[in-house]
Amino acid sequence: MARLDPAAWLEAAETIMTTDTVPKAVSRSCDLGGANVTVTGIAKGAGMIRPDMATLLAFVATDAHVAPGILPS
């Protein structure tokens, strides 16, 4: 469970890197309806396969409380 530490986002961003030269990660906190929430995102940069094709992986996580059924599955 130590690997699930909230401070491990930078390590996760580094782990998904392929040809990237720097990890891509951002995290912001804000007040939302009287509660402090955090939204964090990491991404693996686009790798060109052909001039018209590329790959991209992006992950977004939050500790905001969202009622079941609000977000599509």
C-alpha atoms as a PDB file:
ATOM      1  CA  MET A   1       0.000   0.000   0.000  1.00  0.00           C
ATOM      2  CA  ALA A   2       2.953   2.359   0.372  1.00  0.00           C
ATOM      3  CA  ARG A   3       3.018   2.635  -3.438  1.00  0.00           C
ATOM      4  CA  LEU A   4      -0.470   4.209  -3.324  1.00  0.00           C
ATOM      5  CA  ASP A   5       0.871   7.242  -1.461  1.00  0.00           C
ATOM      6  CA  PRO A   6      -0.737  10.499  -2.712  1.00  0.00           C
ATOM      7  CA  ALA A   7       2.765  11.950  -3.042  1.00  0.00           C
ATOM      8  CA  ALA A   8       3.728   9.262  -5.604  1.00  0.00           C
ATOM      9  CA  TRP A   9       2.148  11.014  -8.623  1.00  0.00           C
ATOM     10  CA  LEU A  10       5.515  12.209  -9.939  1.00  0.00           C
ATOM     11  CA  GLU A  11       6.841   8.647  -9.767  1.00  0.00           C
ATOM     12  CA  ALA A  12       3.751   7.450 -11.654  1.00  0.00           C
ATOM     13  CA  ALA A  13       4.299  10.123 -14.332  1.00  0.00           C
ATOM     14  CA  GLU A  14       7.927   9.018 -14.684  1.00  0.00           C
ATOM     15  CA  THR A  15       6.860   5.378 -14.936  1.00  0.00           C
ATOM     16  CA  ILE A  16       4.649   5.893 -18.004  1.00  0.00           C
ATOM     17  CA  MET A  17       7.287   7.916 -19.882  1.00  0.00           C
ATOM     18  CA  THR A  18       8.583   6.397 -23.113  1.00  0.00           C
ATOM     19  CA  THR A  19      10.482   8.830 -25.322  1.00  0.00           C
ATOM     20  CA  ASP A  20       9.494  11.824 -23.170  1.00  0.00           C
ATOM     21  CA  THR A  21      12.388  13.801 -21.722  1.00  0.00           C
ATOM     22  CA  VAL A  22      10.468  15.117 -18.700  1.00  0.00           C
ATOM     23  CA  PRO A  23       7.457  13.793 -16.763  1.00  0.00           C
ATOM     24  CA  LYS A  24       4.171  15.611 -17.348  1.00  0.00           C
ATOM     25  CA  ALA A  25       2.156  16.082 -14.172  1.00  0.00           C
ATOM     26  CA  VAL A  26       0.046  18.764 -12.527  1.00  0.00           C
ATOM     27  CA  SER A  27      -2.014  18.948  -9.353  1.00  0.00           C
ATOM     28  CA  ARG A  28      -4.280  21.708  -8.105  1.00  0.00           C
ATOM     29  CA  SER A  29      -6.506  22.157  -5.075  1.00  0.00           C
ATOM     30  CA  CYS A  30      -9.543  24.380  -4.822  1.00  0.00           C
ATOM     31  CA  ASP A  31     -12.660  24.993  -2.770  1.00  0.00           C
ATOM     32  CA  LEU A  32     -15.661  23.247  -4.288  1.00  0.00           C
ATOM     33  CA  GLY A  33     -18.953  23.679  -2.487  1.00  0.00           C
ATOM     34  CA  GLY A  34     -17.209  24.315   0.819  1.00  0.00           C
ATOM     35  CA  ALA A  35     -14.862  21.325   0.537  1.00  0.00           C
ATOM     36  CA  ASN A  36     -11.188  21.438  -0.393  1.00  0.00           C
ATOM     37  CA  VAL A  37     -10.672  19.077  -3.356  1.00  0.00           C
ATOM     38  CA  THR A  38      -7.613  18.139  -5.371  1.00  0.00           C
ATOM     39  CA  VAL A  39      -7.428  17.262  -9.056  1.00  0.00           C
ATOM     40  CA  THR A  40      -4.237  15.641 -10.344  1.00  0.00           C
ATOM     41  CA  GLY A  41      -3.316  14.722 -13.896  1.00  0.00           C
ATOM     42  CA  ILE A  42      -0.410  12.900 -15.492  1.00  0.00           C
ATOM     43  CA  ALA A  43       0.258  12.225 -19.161  1.00  0.00           C
ATOM     44  CA  LYS A  44       2.608  10.408 -21.500  1.00  0.00           C
ATOM     45  CA  GLY A  45       3.463  12.644 -24.391  1.00  0.00           C
ATOM     46  CA  ALA A  46       2.413  11.939 -27.929  1.00  0.00           C
ATOM     47  CA  GLY A  47       4.721   9.620 -29.825  1.00  0.00           C
ATOM     48  CA  MET A  48       4.494   9.955 -33.579  1.00  0.00           C
ATOM     49  CA  ILE A  49       3.799   6.686 -35.380  1.00  0.00           C
ATOM     50  CA  ARG A  50       3.194   8.292 -38.769  1.00  0.00           C
ATOM     51  CA  PRO A  51       2.563  11.903 -39.769  1.00  0.00           C
ATOM     52  CA  ASP A  52      -1.146  11.449 -39.067  1.00  0.00           C
ATOM     53  CA  MET A  53      -1.043   9.134 -36.033  1.00  0.00           C
ATOM     54  CA  ALA A  54       0.207   9.523 -32.467  1.00  0.00           C
ATOM     55  CA  THR A  55      -0.300   7.953 -29.061  1.00  0.00           C
ATOM     56  CA  LEU A  56      -1.223   9.695 -25.836  1.00  0.00           C
ATOM     57  CA  LEU A  57      -2.014   8.400 -22.363  1.00  0.00           C
ATOM     58  CA  ALA A  58      -3.559  10.768 -19.817  1.00  0.00           C
ATOM     59  CA  PHE A  59      -4.918  10.059 -16.340  1.00  0.00           C
ATOM     60  CA  VAL A  60      -6.930  12.378 -14.100  1.00  0.00           C
ATOM     61  CA  ALA A  61      -7.786  11.673 -10.471  1.00  0.00           C
ATOM     62  CA  THR A  62      -9.639  13.628  -7.806  1.00  0.00           C
ATOM     63  CA  ASP A  63     -10.705  13.257  -4.217  1.00  0.00           C
ATOM     64  CA  ALA A  64     -13.920  15.209  -4.910  1.00  0.00           C
ATOM     65  CA  HIS A  65     -17.065  13.410  -3.843  1.00  0.00           C
ATOM     66  CA  VAL A  66     -19.131  12.616  -6.928  1.00  0.00           C
ATOM     67  CA  ALA A  67     -22.544  11.014  -6.630  1.00  0.00           C
ATOM     68  CA  PRO A  68     -22.925   7.635  -8.363  1.00  0.00           C
ATOM     69  CA  GLY A  69     -24.421   8.006 -11.807  1.00  0.00           C
ATOM     70  CA  ILE A  70     -23.077  11.516 -12.442  1.00  0.00           C
ATOM     71  CA  LEU A  71     -20.092  10.360 -14.493  1.00  0.00           C
ATOM     72  CA  PRO A  72     -20.671   8.096 -17.487  1.00  0.00           C
ATOM     73  CA  SER A  73     -19.019   4.683 -17.380  1.00  0.00           C
END
